Amino acid sequence: MRQILNLLLVSPFLFFQACKKNNTPPPAVTKYEMTFKKDGVKDTLLPYYCSIKPNSIVPSKTDFMLMAQSADQSIVFGIAIQVDGNINPGVYETVNGSGYYPVIADYFMNMGQITEKDYAIDNAPGKPCGNFKVTINYIDDKLIKGTFSCNYLYERTYDESIVITEGSFTAKRHN
C-alpha cells in the first residue's frame, strides 16, 4: 500500500516536470559597442566597421581596422593594427619612439567641423612617449572582441592630450 501511495504522490510531480517548459532564456543578442573612459568619464560609441584582411599593397602583412562613432557622428574613434603574418588573439602595442608602430589610434572630436580635433599616438612635449595597447580576446568569422588603453593621445594643433582607459569593444566583423 505504501508503494502505491508513493507512486501516486510521485506521479504528478514527474508529470509536471515532464511538461514543464524550458525556462532557459533564448541566447542574448550580441550588443556591438565600444566603451571606454576618456579622461575618467565613461563613453560608448557604436562600431560601424571592423575587419581583418591582408594588406592590399603588401599581402604578407595583415591589417585590423575598427571604426566607431557617436550617435550624432561628431566623435569618430579608429584603431588600426598592422603586422607581418596573421592577426590572432593576443596583445598588440605601440610605444611611440620605439620605431615600431603596429597600433595606430585616432580619436576625432567635432568631426567635419571647423573645430575638429584629431588626437593620435604622438609624443607630446614634456610627456613620456605615447603608448597604445590593444588586446584582441576573440576572433571568429562574424565577431571580434577586445580591450584597449593608452597613456595619452595628443592633438598637435591645439597642444592638448586625452587619456583613454578601460576600453573594450565587441564588433561585427566585415569581410
C-alpha atoms as a PDB file:
ATOM      1  CA  MET A   1       0.000   0.000   0.000  1.00  0.00           C
ATOM      2  CA  ARG A   2       2.806   2.360   0.912  1.00  0.00           C
ATOM      3  CA  GLN A   3       4.427   1.763  -2.502  1.00  0.00           C
ATOM      4  CA  ILE A   4       1.196   2.603  -4.297  1.00  0.00           C
ATOM      5  CA  LEU A   5       0.820   5.781  -2.229  1.00  0.00           C
ATOM      6  CA  ASN A   6       4.416   6.810  -3.036  1.00  0.00           C
ATOM      7  CA  LEU A   7       3.802   6.110  -6.703  1.00  0.00           C
ATOM      8  CA  LEU A   8       0.635   8.244  -6.636  1.00  0.00           C
ATOM      9  CA  LEU A   9       2.455  11.114  -4.920  1.00  0.00           C
ATOM     10  CA  VAL A  10       5.458  10.981  -7.237  1.00  0.00           C
ATOM     11  CA  SER A  11       3.423  10.584 -10.448  1.00  0.00           C
ATOM     12  CA  PRO A  12       2.005  14.158 -10.534  1.00  0.00           C
ATOM     13  CA  PHE A  13       5.476  15.551  -9.801  1.00  0.00           C
ATOM     14  CA  LEU A  14       7.003  13.572 -12.653  1.00  0.00           C
ATOM     15  CA  PHE A  15       4.138  14.540 -14.963  1.00  0.00           C
ATOM     16  CA  PHE A  16       4.549  18.266 -14.261  1.00  0.00           C
ATOM     17  CA  GLN A  17       8.325  18.056 -14.557  1.00  0.00           C
ATOM     18  CA  ALA A  18       7.977  16.375 -17.946  1.00  0.00           C
ATOM     19  CA  CYS A  19       5.516  19.046 -19.104  1.00  0.00           C
ATOM     20  CA  LYS A  20       7.463  21.923 -17.608  1.00  0.00           C
ATOM     21  CA  LYS A  21       8.592  24.429 -20.218  1.00  0.00           C
ATOM     22  CA  ASN A  22      12.251  25.195 -20.575  1.00  0.00           C
ATOM     23  CA  ASN A  23      12.965  28.316 -18.505  1.00  0.00           C
ATOM     24  CA  THR A  24      16.310  28.901 -20.184  1.00  0.00           C
ATOM     25  CA  PRO A  25      16.166  32.310 -21.825  1.00  0.00           C
ATOM     26  CA  PRO A  26      16.945  32.494 -25.529  1.00  0.00           C
ATOM     27  CA  PRO A  27      20.536  33.411 -26.391  1.00  0.00           C
ATOM     28  CA  ALA A  28      21.202  37.094 -25.914  1.00  0.00           C
ATOM     29  CA  VAL A  29      21.545  39.235 -28.999  1.00  0.00           C
ATOM     30  CA  THR A  30      25.125  40.399 -29.359  1.00  0.00           C
ATOM     31  CA  LYS A  31      25.454  44.061 -28.447  1.00  0.00           C
ATOM     32  CA  TYR A  32      28.012  45.713 -30.701  1.00  0.00           C
ATOM     33  CA  GLU A  33      29.646  48.626 -28.908  1.00  0.00           C
ATOM     34  CA  MET A  34      32.874  50.274 -27.880  1.00  0.00           C
ATOM     35  CA  THR A  35      33.097  51.507 -24.296  1.00  0.00           C
ATOM     36  CA  PHE A  36      35.951  53.344 -22.592  1.00  0.00           C
ATOM     37  CA  LYS A  37      36.818  56.132 -20.204  1.00  0.00           C
ATOM     38  CA  LYS A  38      38.081  59.352 -21.749  1.00  0.00           C
ATOM     39  CA  ASP A  39      39.792  61.436 -19.098  1.00  0.00           C
ATOM     40  CA  GLY A  40      37.953  59.373 -16.473  1.00  0.00           C
ATOM     41  CA  VAL A  41      34.455  59.807 -17.980  1.00  0.00           C
ATOM     42  CA  LYS A  42      32.712  56.746 -19.414  1.00  0.00           C
ATOM     43  CA  ASP A  43      31.673  56.915 -23.075  1.00  0.00           C
ATOM     44  CA  THR A  44      30.079  54.491 -25.515  1.00  0.00           C
ATOM     45  CA  LEU A  45      30.431  54.531 -29.298  1.00  0.00           C
ATOM     46  CA  LEU A  46      28.869  52.335 -31.961  1.00  0.00           C
ATOM     47  CA  PRO A  47      31.237  50.296 -34.159  1.00  0.00           C
ATOM     48  CA  TYR A  48      30.388  50.753 -37.822  1.00  0.00           C
ATOM     49  CA  TYR A  49      33.318  48.942 -39.432  1.00  0.00           C
ATOM     50  CA  CYS A  50      35.616  46.163 -38.221  1.00  0.00           C
ATOM     51  CA  SER A  51      37.771  43.892 -40.368  1.00  0.00           C
ATOM     52  CA  ILE A  52      40.871  41.739 -40.532  1.00  0.00           C
ATOM     53  CA  LYS A  53      42.255  41.482 -44.056  1.00  0.00           C
ATOM     54  CA  PRO A  54      45.552  41.025 -45.893  1.00  0.00           C
ATOM     55  CA  ASN A  55      47.126  44.364 -46.737  1.00  0.00           C
ATOM     56  CA  SER A  56      46.262  45.234 -50.345  1.00  0.00           C
ATOM     57  CA  ILE A  57      49.783  46.505 -51.127  1.00  0.00           C
ATOM     58  CA  VAL A  58      51.875  44.043 -49.096  1.00  0.00           C
ATOM     59  CA  PRO A  59      49.891  40.767 -48.864  1.00  0.00           C
ATOM     60  CA  SER A  60      52.351  39.307 -46.319  1.00  0.00           C
ATOM     61  CA  LYS A  61      51.033  41.887 -43.823  1.00  0.00           C
ATOM     62  CA  THR A  62      47.614  41.736 -42.184  1.00  0.00           C
ATOM     63  CA  ASP A  63      45.500  44.765 -41.244  1.00  0.00           C
ATOM     64  CA  PHE A  64      42.952  45.058 -38.437  1.00  0.00           C
ATOM     65  CA  MET A  65      40.648  48.077 -38.613  1.00  0.00           C
ATOM     66  CA  LEU A  66      37.995  49.154 -36.108  1.00  0.00           C
ATOM     67  CA  MET A  67      35.954  52.335 -36.573  1.00  0.00           C
ATOM     68  CA  ALA A  68      33.314  53.531 -34.098  1.00  0.00           C
ATOM     69  CA  GLN A  69      31.299  56.732 -33.810  1.00  0.00           C
ATOM     70  CA  SER A  70      28.899  58.587 -31.566  1.00  0.00           C
ATOM     71  CA  ALA A  71      25.191  58.571 -32.407  1.00  0.00           C
ATOM     72  CA  ASP A  72      25.469  62.130 -33.797  1.00  0.00           C
ATOM     73  CA  GLN A  73      28.690  61.226 -35.679  1.00  0.00           C
ATOM     74  CA  SER A  74      30.609  64.107 -34.083  1.00  0.00           C
ATOM     75  CA  ILE A  75      33.082  61.689 -32.487  1.00  0.00           C
ATOM     76  CA  VAL A  76      34.897  59.032 -34.517  1.00  0.00           C
ATOM     77  CA  PHE A  77      37.439  56.685 -32.979  1.00  0.00           C
ATOM     78  CA  GLY A  78      39.615  54.456 -35.146  1.00  0.00           C
ATOM     79  CA  ILE A  79      42.087  51.765 -34.156  1.00  0.00           C
ATOM     80  CA  ALA A  80      44.332  50.092 -36.731  1.00  0.00           C
ATOM     81  CA  ILE A  81      46.837  47.265 -36.327  1.00  0.00           C
ATOM     82  CA  GLN A  82      49.257  46.054 -38.992  1.00  0.00           C
ATOM     83  CA  VAL A  83      51.536  43.059 -38.501  1.00  0.00           C
ATOM     84  CA  ASP A  84      53.628  40.663 -40.540  1.00  0.00           C
ATOM     85  CA  GLY A  85      51.709  37.405 -40.874  1.00  0.00           C
ATOM     86  CA  ASN A  86      48.308  36.892 -39.250  1.00  0.00           C
ATOM     87  CA  ILE A  87      46.400  38.753 -36.577  1.00  0.00           C
ATOM     88  CA  ASN A  88      45.391  36.347 -33.831  1.00  0.00           C
ATOM     89  CA  PRO A  89      44.069  36.814 -30.308  1.00  0.00           C
ATOM     90  CA  GLY A  90      46.842  38.479 -28.346  1.00  0.00           C
ATOM     91  CA  VAL A  91      48.402  41.776 -27.313  1.00  0.00           C
ATOM     92  CA  TYR A  92      49.407  44.469 -29.816  1.00  0.00           C
ATOM     93  CA  GLU A  93      51.145  47.592 -28.604  1.00  0.00           C
ATOM     94  CA  THR A  94      52.765  50.748 -29.881  1.00  0.00           C
ATOM     95  CA  VAL A  95      55.220  52.644 -27.772  1.00  0.00           C
ATOM     96  CA  ASN A  96      55.905  55.873 -29.600  1.00  0.00           C
ATOM     97  CA  GLY A  97      59.597  56.494 -30.024  1.00  0.00           C
ATOM     98  CA  SER A  98      60.327  52.761 -30.322  1.00  0.00           C
ATOM     99  CA  GLY A  99      60.386  52.887 -34.139  1.00  0.00           C
ATOM    100  CA  TYR A 100      57.806  50.074 -34.288  1.00  0.00           C
ATOM    101  CA  TYR A 101      54.186  51.131 -34.803  1.00  0.00           C
ATOM    102  CA  PRO A 102      51.887  48.103 -35.105  1.00  0.00           C
ATOM    103  CA  VAL A 103      48.975  50.012 -33.476  1.00  0.00           C
ATOM    104  CA  ILE A 104      47.672  53.395 -34.578  1.00  0.00           C
ATOM    105  CA  ALA A 105      44.726  55.191 -32.975  1.00  0.00           C
ATOM    106  CA  ASP A 106      42.891  58.393 -33.896  1.00  0.00           C
ATOM    107  CA  TYR A 107      40.164  59.992 -31.816  1.00  0.00           C
ATOM    108  CA  PHE A 108      38.347  62.734 -33.721  1.00  0.00           C
ATOM    109  CA  MET A 109      36.196  65.287 -31.895  1.00  0.00           C
ATOM    110  CA  ASN A 110      33.812  67.651 -33.728  1.00  0.00           C
ATOM    111  CA  MET A 111      34.229  65.555 -36.864  1.00  0.00           C
ATOM    112  CA  GLY A 112      33.716  67.603 -40.040  1.00  0.00           C
ATOM    113  CA  GLN A 113      33.551  70.926 -38.172  1.00  0.00           C
ATOM    114  CA  ILE A 114      35.961  73.868 -38.244  1.00  0.00           C
ATOM    115  CA  THR A 115      36.813  72.987 -34.636  1.00  0.00           C
ATOM    116  CA  GLU A 116      37.685  69.357 -35.482  1.00  0.00           C
ATOM    117  CA  LYS A 117      40.439  67.878 -33.318  1.00  0.00           C
ATOM    118  CA  ASP A 118      42.488  64.746 -34.083  1.00  0.00           C
ATOM    119  CA  TYR A 119      44.043  63.089 -31.034  1.00  0.00           C
ATOM    120  CA  ALA A 120      46.600  60.479 -32.119  1.00  0.00           C
ATOM    121  CA  ILE A 121      49.582  58.499 -30.892  1.00  0.00           C
ATOM    122  CA  ASP A 122      52.307  61.093 -30.723  1.00  0.00           C
ATOM    123  CA  ASN A 123      54.926  62.406 -28.351  1.00  0.00           C
ATOM    124  CA  ALA A 124      53.625  65.466 -26.517  1.00  0.00           C
ATOM    125  CA  PRO A 125      56.234  67.985 -25.360  1.00  0.00           C
ATOM    126  CA  GLY A 126      57.317  67.282 -21.795  1.00  0.00           C
ATOM    127  CA  LYS A 127      55.468  63.957 -21.574  1.00  0.00           C
ATOM    128  CA  PRO A 128      56.663  60.360 -21.819  1.00  0.00           C
ATOM    129  CA  CYS A 129      56.330  58.577 -25.156  1.00  0.00           C
ATOM    130  CA  GLY A 130      52.766  57.812 -26.219  1.00  0.00           C
ATOM    131  CA  ASN A 131      51.627  54.220 -25.706  1.00  0.00           C
ATOM    132  CA  PHE A 132      48.549  52.440 -27.074  1.00  0.00           C
ATOM    133  CA  LYS A 133      47.781  48.802 -26.266  1.00  0.00           C
ATOM    134  CA  VAL A 134      45.095  46.577 -27.806  1.00  0.00           C
ATOM    135  CA  THR A 135      44.315  43.065 -26.623  1.00  0.00           C
ATOM    136  CA  ILE A 136      42.248  41.038 -29.063  1.00  0.00           C
ATOM    137  CA  ASN A 137      40.452  38.410 -26.981  1.00  0.00           C
ATOM    138  CA  TYR A 138      38.225  36.724 -29.540  1.00  0.00           C
ATOM    139  CA  ILE A 139      38.043  36.411 -33.319  1.00  0.00           C
ATOM    140  CA  ASP A 140      35.687  34.412 -35.493  1.00  0.00           C
ATOM    141  CA  ASP A 141      34.198  34.969 -38.936  1.00  0.00           C
ATOM    142  CA  LYS A 142      31.391  37.178 -37.538  1.00  0.00           C
ATOM    143  CA  LEU A 143      32.718  38.823 -34.376  1.00  0.00           C
ATOM    144  CA  ILE A 144      35.824  40.436 -32.895  1.00  0.00           C
ATOM    145  CA  LYS A 145      36.190  41.326 -29.192  1.00  0.00           C
ATOM    146  CA  GLY A 146      38.967  43.065 -27.345  1.00  0.00           C
ATOM    147  CA  THR A 147      40.199  45.676 -24.904  1.00  0.00           C
ATOM    148  CA  PHE A 148      42.407  48.761 -25.229  1.00  0.00           C
ATOM    149  CA  SER A 149      44.023  51.610 -23.310  1.00  0.00           C
ATOM    150  CA  CYS A 150      46.641  54.314 -23.688  1.00  0.00           C
ATOM    151  CA  ASN A 151      48.654  56.683 -21.548  1.00  0.00           C
ATOM    152  CA  TYR A 152      47.511  59.565 -23.796  1.00  0.00           C
ATOM    153  CA  LEU A 153      46.610  60.630 -27.330  1.00  0.00           C
ATOM    154  CA  TYR A 154      47.928  64.006 -28.421  1.00  0.00           C
ATOM    155  CA  GLU A 155      46.426  66.778 -30.556  1.00  0.00           C
ATOM    156  CA  ARG A 156      49.317  68.833 -32.011  1.00  0.00           C
ATOM    157  CA  THR A 157      47.382  71.815 -33.361  1.00  0.00           C
ATOM    158  CA  TYR A 158      45.779  72.615 -30.007  1.00  0.00           C
ATOM    159  CA  ASP A 159      48.586  71.122 -27.846  1.00  0.00           C
ATOM    160  CA  GLU A 160      46.068  69.003 -25.924  1.00  0.00           C
ATOM    161  CA  SER A 161      46.014  65.399 -24.805  1.00  0.00           C
ATOM    162  CA  ILE A 162      43.375  62.923 -23.684  1.00  0.00           C
ATOM    163  CA  VAL A 163      43.721  59.671 -21.749  1.00  0.00           C
ATOM    164  CA  ILE A 164      41.777  56.598 -22.854  1.00  0.00           C
ATOM    165  CA  THR A 165      41.438  53.785 -20.282  1.00  0.00           C
ATOM    166  CA  GLU A 166      39.255  50.739 -19.599  1.00  0.00           C
ATOM    167  CA  GLY A 167      38.371  50.387 -23.288  1.00  0.00           C
ATOM    168  CA  SER A 168      36.547  47.381 -24.693  1.00  0.00           C
ATOM    169  CA  PHE A 169      34.817  46.526 -27.931  1.00  0.00           C
ATOM    170  CA  THR A 170      32.524  43.938 -29.410  1.00  0.00           C
ATOM    171  CA  ALA A 171      32.240  44.494 -33.149  1.00  0.00           C
ATOM    172  CA  LYS A 172      30.612  42.765 -36.079  1.00  0.00           C
ATOM    173  CA  ARG A 173      33.306  41.569 -38.446  1.00  0.00           C
ATOM    174  CA  HIS A 174      33.062  42.782 -42.050  1.00  0.00           C
ATOM    175  CA  ASN A 175      34.718  40.556 -44.614  1.00  0.00           C
END
